[in-house]
Amino acid sequence: MMTGEGLDVDGRAVQPGGRPPAPGRLALVQAYVNSFFDLEGEWGADLFATPDRLAGWLSARDLLPAGTVLRDRDRTRAIAVREGLRGLAAGNNDASPEAAATSLAVVNRAAAGARVEVLLEPDGPRFAATGPGLDRALGVVLAITGTAMLEGAWQRLKTCPGHDCGWVFYDHSRNQTGRWCSMSVCGGRAKAKAHYERRREEEGTRGAVQP
């Protein structure tokens, strides 16, 4: 069952090819990063295209009080965190250490001001976001990300390397070898391209050895 915002009944964002989303609260971070491309309401639209749309997206997920007014600078900041997290997820696939370091710097710079408390509980520490407005919203996203990094779930969140893609997917495979958001879309397209290029090389080689 789908809602009008491209969510299933559990509030998790729709995934390409029907791939299962990230488990638990990490699905919220995944949806945040993938907000650059709407899969349902307006195919291809950036869900953070305006401050009002950003506020609406955050409010719909209880990250921001309804009616909160955001500014262009808030949108710029939210997108910087989004793209920085995408870069970090790319590091779980095959991005360079230099790229990962750049993404970390981007996230930390844009998230400055977002406050997260560490609460000690019987079953271990828990991160809780504090503060008002966008600071709290970004704090929730970062708290979930930090928890996932400590628990090992973050390493399964990867950025699809498909041409003009960039969708962040959760690798549910046992050996964590998933590479594409959907083999039927980006994976199949890449395999077809590689096959075409091999055929051209083979035909070129045969032509070169003919007398």
C-alpha atoms as a PDB file:
ATOM      1  CA  MET A   1       0.000   0.000   0.000  1.00  0.00           C
ATOM      2  CA  MET A   2       1.391   3.413  -0.973  1.00  0.00           C
ATOM      3  CA  THR A   3       0.743   6.874   0.361  1.00  0.00           C
ATOM      4  CA  GLY A   4       0.807  10.075  -1.683  1.00  0.00           C
ATOM      5  CA  GLU A   5       4.377  10.869  -0.628  1.00  0.00           C
ATOM      6  CA  GLY A   6       6.029   7.760  -2.025  1.00  0.00           C
ATOM      7  CA  LEU A   7       5.967   5.977   1.349  1.00  0.00           C
ATOM      8  CA  ASP A   8       4.697   2.561   2.309  1.00  0.00           C
ATOM      9  CA  VAL A   9       2.390   2.077   5.285  1.00  0.00           C
ATOM     10  CA  ASP A  10       5.409   2.037   7.626  1.00  0.00           C
ATOM     11  CA  GLY A  11       6.622   5.407   6.378  1.00  0.00           C
ATOM     12  CA  ARG A  12       9.611   3.967   4.546  1.00  0.00           C
ATOM     13  CA  ALA A  13      10.538   5.374   1.158  1.00  0.00           C
ATOM     14  CA  VAL A  14       9.928   3.347  -1.993  1.00  0.00           C
ATOM     15  CA  GLN A  15      13.009   1.619  -3.411  1.00  0.00           C
ATOM     16  CA  PRO A  16      14.010   0.956  -7.052  1.00  0.00           C
ATOM     17  CA  GLY A  17      13.155  -2.517  -8.272  1.00  0.00           C
ATOM     18  CA  GLY A  18      11.238  -3.299  -5.074  1.00  0.00           C
ATOM     19  CA  ARG A  19      14.452  -3.687  -3.063  1.00  0.00           C
ATOM     20  CA  PRO A  20      13.752  -3.783   0.708  1.00  0.00           C
ATOM     21  CA  PRO A  21      14.678  -0.547   2.486  1.00  0.00           C
ATOM     22  CA  ALA A  22      17.171  -0.250   5.307  1.00  0.00           C
ATOM     23  CA  PRO A  23      15.975  -1.793   8.584  1.00  0.00           C
ATOM     24  CA  GLY A  24      14.591   0.143  11.515  1.00  0.00           C
ATOM     25  CA  ARG A  25      15.376   3.819  11.965  1.00  0.00           C
ATOM     26  CA  LEU A  26      18.168   3.678   9.383  1.00  0.00           C
ATOM     27  CA  ALA A  27      15.389   3.736   6.770  1.00  0.00           C
ATOM     28  CA  LEU A  28      14.791   7.366   7.755  1.00  0.00           C
ATOM     29  CA  VAL A  29      18.400   8.290   6.980  1.00  0.00           C
ATOM     30  CA  GLN A  30      18.174   6.389   3.706  1.00  0.00           C
ATOM     31  CA  ALA A  31      15.017   8.298   2.778  1.00  0.00           C
ATOM     32  CA  TYR A  32      16.666  11.588   3.744  1.00  0.00           C
ATOM     33  CA  VAL A  33      19.641  10.943   1.470  1.00  0.00           C
ATOM     34  CA  ASN A  34      17.398   9.758  -1.371  1.00  0.00           C
ATOM     35  CA  SER A  35      15.175  12.834  -1.176  1.00  0.00           C
ATOM     36  CA  PHE A  36      16.992  14.186  -4.237  1.00  0.00           C
ATOM     37  CA  PHE A  37      14.840  11.975  -6.484  1.00  0.00           C
ATOM     38  CA  ASP A  38      11.127  11.405  -5.890  1.00  0.00           C
ATOM     39  CA  LEU A  39      10.024   7.969  -7.094  1.00  0.00           C
ATOM     40  CA  GLU A  40       6.292   8.497  -6.729  1.00  0.00           C
ATOM     41  CA  GLY A  41       4.574  11.895  -6.685  1.00  0.00           C
ATOM     42  CA  GLU A  42       6.746  13.865  -9.114  1.00  0.00           C
ATOM     43  CA  TRP A  43       9.112  11.440 -10.800  1.00  0.00           C
ATOM     44  CA  GLY A  44      12.619  12.814 -10.507  1.00  0.00           C
ATOM     45  CA  ALA A  45      11.751  15.876  -8.407  1.00  0.00           C
ATOM     46  CA  ASP A  46      14.003  17.006  -5.559  1.00  0.00           C
ATOM     47  CA  LEU A  47      11.904  16.751  -2.401  1.00  0.00           C
ATOM     48  CA  PHE A  48      14.015  19.535  -0.862  1.00  0.00           C
ATOM     49  CA  ALA A  49      13.570  21.817  -3.885  1.00  0.00           C
ATOM     50  CA  THR A  50      12.312  24.724  -1.763  1.00  0.00           C
ATOM     51  CA  PRO A  51      12.443  25.610   1.950  1.00  0.00           C
ATOM     52  CA  ASP A  52       8.701  24.886   2.193  1.00  0.00           C
ATOM     53  CA  ARG A  53       9.078  21.445   0.649  1.00  0.00           C
ATOM     54  CA  LEU A  54      11.977  20.683   2.982  1.00  0.00           C
ATOM     55  CA  ALA A  55       9.879  21.760   5.978  1.00  0.00           C
ATOM     56  CA  GLY A  56       6.980  19.629   4.792  1.00  0.00           C
ATOM     57  CA  TRP A  57       9.172  16.556   4.350  1.00  0.00           C
ATOM     58  CA  LEU A  58      10.662  16.922   7.830  1.00  0.00           C
ATOM     59  CA  SER A  59       7.282  17.643   9.431  1.00  0.00           C
ATOM     60  CA  ALA A  60       5.714  14.568   7.828  1.00  0.00           C
ATOM     61  CA  ARG A  61       8.319  12.474   9.672  1.00  0.00           C
ATOM     62  CA  ASP A  62       7.955  14.288  13.011  1.00  0.00           C
ATOM     63  CA  LEU A  63      11.395  15.842  12.665  1.00  0.00           C
ATOM     64  CA  LEU A  64      10.041  19.383  12.639  1.00  0.00           C
ATOM     65  CA  PRO A  65       6.917  20.955  14.197  1.00  0.00           C
ATOM     66  CA  ALA A  66       4.167  21.589  11.677  1.00  0.00           C
ATOM     67  CA  GLY A  67       4.130  25.172  10.451  1.00  0.00           C
ATOM     68  CA  THR A  68       7.857  25.756  10.995  1.00  0.00           C
ATOM     69  CA  VAL A  69       9.231  28.260   8.490  1.00  0.00           C
ATOM     70  CA  LEU A  70      12.613  27.455   6.977  1.00  0.00           C
ATOM     71  CA  ARG A  71      14.866  29.721   4.918  1.00  0.00           C
ATOM     72  CA  ASP A  72      17.093  29.260   1.895  1.00  0.00           C
ATOM     73  CA  ARG A  73      20.107  28.923   4.174  1.00  0.00           C
ATOM     74  CA  ASP A  74      18.356  26.060   5.988  1.00  0.00           C
ATOM     75  CA  ARG A  75      17.734  24.298   2.695  1.00  0.00           C
ATOM     76  CA  THR A  76      21.379  24.775   1.676  1.00  0.00           C
ATOM     77  CA  ARG A  77      22.488  23.286   4.976  1.00  0.00           C
ATOM     78  CA  ALA A  78      20.106  20.329   4.808  1.00  0.00           C
ATOM     79  CA  ILE A  79      21.235  19.499   1.274  1.00  0.00           C
ATOM     80  CA  ALA A  80      24.902  19.718   2.292  1.00  0.00           C
ATOM     81  CA  VAL A  81      24.273  17.126   5.007  1.00  0.00           C
ATOM     82  CA  ARG A  82      22.345  14.993   2.518  1.00  0.00           C
ATOM     83  CA  GLU A  83      25.079  15.005  -0.108  1.00  0.00           C
ATOM     84  CA  GLY A  84      27.805  14.497   2.480  1.00  0.00           C
ATOM     85  CA  LEU A  85      26.027  11.390   3.749  1.00  0.00           C
ATOM     86  CA  ARG A  86      25.662  10.186   0.150  1.00  0.00           C
ATOM     87  CA  GLY A  87      29.416  10.542  -0.242  1.00  0.00           C
ATOM     88  CA  LEU A  88      30.012   8.548   2.932  1.00  0.00           C
ATOM     89  CA  ALA A  89      27.687   5.820   1.675  1.00  0.00           C
ATOM     90  CA  ALA A  90      29.687   5.750  -1.567  1.00  0.00           C
ATOM     91  CA  GLY A  91      32.702   4.907   0.563  1.00  0.00           C
ATOM     92  CA  ASN A  92      30.964   1.664   1.517  1.00  0.00           C
ATOM     93  CA  ASN A  93      31.000   0.713  -2.145  1.00  0.00           C
ATOM     94  CA  ASP A  94      34.265   1.767  -3.746  1.00  0.00           C
ATOM     95  CA  ALA A  95      34.906   5.480  -3.263  1.00  0.00           C
ATOM     96  CA  SER A  96      38.426   6.658  -2.468  1.00  0.00           C
ATOM     97  CA  PRO A  97      39.531   7.476   1.115  1.00  0.00           C
ATOM     98  CA  GLU A  98      40.076  11.064  -0.015  1.00  0.00           C
ATOM     99  CA  ALA A  99      36.467  11.332  -1.178  1.00  0.00           C
ATOM    100  CA  ALA A 100      35.240   9.892   2.119  1.00  0.00           C
ATOM    101  CA  ALA A 101      37.302  12.427   4.063  1.00  0.00           C
ATOM    102  CA  THR A 102      35.821  15.246   1.990  1.00  0.00           C
ATOM    103  CA  SER A 103      32.302  13.968   2.655  1.00  0.00           C
ATOM    104  CA  LEU A 104      32.991  13.820   6.392  1.00  0.00           C
ATOM    105  CA  ALA A 105      34.150  17.419   6.349  1.00  0.00           C
ATOM    106  CA  VAL A 106      31.038  18.490   4.438  1.00  0.00           C
ATOM    107  CA  VAL A 107      28.696  16.755   6.894  1.00  0.00           C
ATOM    108  CA  ASN A 108      30.463  18.047   9.987  1.00  0.00           C
ATOM    109  CA  ARG A 109      30.574  21.597   8.672  1.00  0.00           C
ATOM    110  CA  ALA A 110      26.901  21.663   7.680  1.00  0.00           C
ATOM    111  CA  ALA A 111      25.758  19.920  10.860  1.00  0.00           C
ATOM    112  CA  ALA A 112      27.512  22.384  13.182  1.00  0.00           C
ATOM    113  CA  GLY A 113      24.944  23.460  15.765  1.00  0.00           C
ATOM    114  CA  ALA A 114      22.995  20.205  15.733  1.00  0.00           C
ATOM    115  CA  ARG A 115      23.199  18.780  19.240  1.00  0.00           C
ATOM    116  CA  VAL A 116      23.111  15.129  20.210  1.00  0.00           C
ATOM    117  CA  GLU A 117      23.178  13.810  23.779  1.00  0.00           C
ATOM    118  CA  VAL A 118      24.581  10.440  24.803  1.00  0.00           C
ATOM    119  CA  LEU A 119      22.248   8.596  27.161  1.00  0.00           C
ATOM    120  CA  LEU A 120      23.571   5.564  29.035  1.00  0.00           C
ATOM    121  CA  GLU A 121      21.038   2.763  29.332  1.00  0.00           C
ATOM    122  CA  PRO A 122      21.164  -0.862  30.561  1.00  0.00           C
ATOM    123  CA  ASP A 123      21.504  -2.222  27.038  1.00  0.00           C
ATOM    124  CA  GLY A 124      24.107   0.348  25.981  1.00  0.00           C
ATOM    125  CA  PRO A 125      24.442   4.004  24.999  1.00  0.00           C
ATOM    126  CA  ARG A 126      21.762   5.796  23.002  1.00  0.00           C
ATOM    127  CA  PHE A 127      22.015   9.040  21.050  1.00  0.00           C
ATOM    128  CA  ALA A 128      19.219  11.579  21.411  1.00  0.00           C
ATOM    129  CA  ALA A 129      18.885  14.804  19.435  1.00  0.00           C
ATOM    130  CA  THR A 130      18.130  18.019  21.306  1.00  0.00           C
ATOM    131  CA  GLY A 131      17.490  21.624  20.378  1.00  0.00           C
ATOM    132  CA  PRO A 132      14.904  23.368  18.204  1.00  0.00           C
ATOM    133  CA  GLY A 133      14.041  23.490  14.521  1.00  0.00           C
ATOM    134  CA  LEU A 134      16.422  22.271  11.875  1.00  0.00           C
ATOM    135  CA  ASP A 135      19.166  21.649  14.448  1.00  0.00           C
ATOM    136  CA  ARG A 136      17.046  18.955  16.049  1.00  0.00           C
ATOM    137  CA  ALA A 137      16.028  17.452  12.687  1.00  0.00           C
ATOM    138  CA  LEU A 138      19.640  17.144  11.578  1.00  0.00           C
ATOM    139  CA  GLY A 139      20.548  15.868  15.027  1.00  0.00           C
ATOM    140  CA  VAL A 140      18.096  12.979  14.632  1.00  0.00           C
ATOM    141  CA  VAL A 141      19.563  12.073  11.246  1.00  0.00           C
ATOM    142  CA  LEU A 142      23.103  12.166  12.624  1.00  0.00           C
ATOM    143  CA  ALA A 143      22.165  10.265  15.788  1.00  0.00           C
ATOM    144  CA  ILE A 144      20.731   7.429  13.713  1.00  0.00           C
ATOM    145  CA  THR A 145      23.781   7.498  11.438  1.00  0.00           C
ATOM    146  CA  GLY A 146      26.188   7.371  14.384  1.00  0.00           C
ATOM    147  CA  THR A 147      24.314   4.463  15.944  1.00  0.00           C
ATOM    148  CA  ALA A 148      24.340   2.572  12.640  1.00  0.00           C
ATOM    149  CA  MET A 149      28.092   3.122  12.298  1.00  0.00           C
ATOM    150  CA  LEU A 150      28.717   1.675  15.763  1.00  0.00           C
ATOM    151  CA  GLU A 151      26.403  -1.290  15.186  1.00  0.00           C
ATOM    152  CA  GLY A 152      27.795  -2.103  11.733  1.00  0.00           C
ATOM    153  CA  ALA A 153      24.602  -1.445   9.785  1.00  0.00           C
ATOM    154  CA  TRP A 154      25.948   1.725   8.134  1.00  0.00           C
ATOM    155  CA  GLN A 155      28.498  -0.285   6.145  1.00  0.00           C
ATOM    156  CA  ARG A 156      25.610  -1.884   4.253  1.00  0.00           C
ATOM    157  CA  LEU A 157      24.267   1.465   3.062  1.00  0.00           C
ATOM    158  CA  LYS A 158      25.833   2.056  -0.371  1.00  0.00           C
ATOM    159  CA  THR A 159      25.587   4.565  -3.196  1.00  0.00           C
ATOM    160  CA  CYS A 160      24.686   3.096  -6.585  1.00  0.00           C
ATOM    161  CA  PRO A 161      27.447   3.876  -9.116  1.00  0.00           C
ATOM    162  CA  GLY A 162      25.015   3.769 -12.054  1.00  0.00           C
ATOM    163  CA  HIS A 163      25.222   6.573 -14.591  1.00  0.00           C
ATOM    164  CA  ASP A 164      23.042   9.495 -13.433  1.00  0.00           C
ATOM    165  CA  CYS A 165      21.838   7.455 -10.458  1.00  0.00           C
ATOM    166  CA  GLY A 166      23.366   7.977  -6.997  1.00  0.00           C
ATOM    167  CA  TRP A 167      20.507   6.210  -5.174  1.00  0.00           C
ATOM    168  CA  VAL A 168      21.547   4.985  -1.734  1.00  0.00           C
ATOM    169  CA  PHE A 169      20.434   1.384  -1.161  1.00  0.00           C
ATOM    170  CA  TYR A 170      20.779  -1.071   1.707  1.00  0.00           C
ATOM    171  CA  ASP A 171      22.797  -4.162   0.865  1.00  0.00           C
ATOM    172  CA  HIS A 172      20.852  -7.069   2.379  1.00  0.00           C
ATOM    173  CA  SER A 173      23.137  -9.721   0.830  1.00  0.00           C
ATOM    174  CA  ARG A 174      24.871 -12.048   3.290  1.00  0.00           C
ATOM    175  CA  ASN A 175      28.388 -11.296   2.031  1.00  0.00           C
ATOM    176  CA  GLN A 176      27.715  -7.572   1.393  1.00  0.00           C
ATOM    177  CA  THR A 177      28.588  -7.753  -2.305  1.00  0.00           C
ATOM    178  CA  GLY A 178      25.611  -5.722  -3.552  1.00  0.00           C
ATOM    179  CA  ARG A 179      26.657  -2.973  -5.939  1.00  0.00           C
ATOM    180  CA  TRP A 180      23.581  -1.631  -7.754  1.00  0.00           C
ATOM    181  CA  CYS A 181      20.348  -0.103  -6.479  1.00  0.00           C
ATOM    182  CA  SER A 182      18.559  -2.518  -8.839  1.00  0.00           C
ATOM    183  CA  MET A 183      20.049  -5.078 -11.198  1.00  0.00           C
ATOM    184  CA  SER A 184      16.997  -4.670 -13.435  1.00  0.00           C
ATOM    185  CA  VAL A 185      17.795  -0.979 -13.869  1.00  0.00           C
ATOM    186  CA  CYS A 186      21.351   0.207 -13.260  1.00  0.00           C
ATOM    187  CA  GLY A 187      22.984  -3.218 -12.994  1.00  0.00           C
ATOM    188  CA  GLY A 188      21.430  -4.470 -16.210  1.00  0.00           C
ATOM    189  CA  ARG A 189      22.313  -1.264 -18.014  1.00  0.00           C
ATOM    190  CA  ALA A 190      25.952  -1.506 -16.888  1.00  0.00           C
ATOM    191  CA  LYS A 191      26.201  -5.159 -17.901  1.00  0.00           C
ATOM    192  CA  ALA A 192      24.750  -4.376 -21.320  1.00  0.00           C
ATOM    193  CA  LYS A 193      27.242  -1.540 -21.797  1.00  0.00           C
ATOM    194  CA  ALA A 194      30.179  -3.749 -20.768  1.00  0.00           C
ATOM    195  CA  HIS A 195      29.007  -6.494 -23.153  1.00  0.00           C
ATOM    196  CA  TYR A 196      28.719  -3.979 -25.999  1.00  0.00           C
ATOM    197  CA  GLU A 197      32.231  -2.639 -25.335  1.00  0.00           C
ATOM    198  CA  ARG A 198      33.691  -6.180 -25.236  1.00  0.00           C
ATOM    199  CA  ARG A 199      32.036  -6.987 -28.567  1.00  0.00           C
ATOM    200  CA  ARG A 200      33.518  -3.868 -30.141  1.00  0.00           C
ATOM    201  CA  GLU A 201      36.982  -4.739 -28.816  1.00  0.00           C
ATOM    202  CA  GLU A 202      36.730  -8.306 -30.083  1.00  0.00           C
ATOM    203  CA  GLU A 203      35.555  -7.170 -33.510  1.00  0.00           C
ATOM    204  CA  GLY A 204      38.348  -4.609 -33.627  1.00  0.00           C
ATOM    205  CA  THR A 205      40.927  -7.276 -32.732  1.00  0.00           C
ATOM    206  CA  ARG A 206      39.667  -9.673 -35.418  1.00  0.00           C
ATOM    207  CA  GLY A 207      39.733  -6.905 -37.978  1.00  0.00           C
ATOM    208  CA  ALA A 208      43.293  -5.952 -37.070  1.00  0.00           C
ATOM    209  CA  VAL A 209      44.717  -9.471 -37.661  1.00  0.00           C
ATOM    210  CA  GLN A 210      43.072  -9.990 -41.048  1.00  0.00           C
ATOM    211  CA  PRO A 211      45.527  -9.770 -44.012  1.00  0.00           C
END
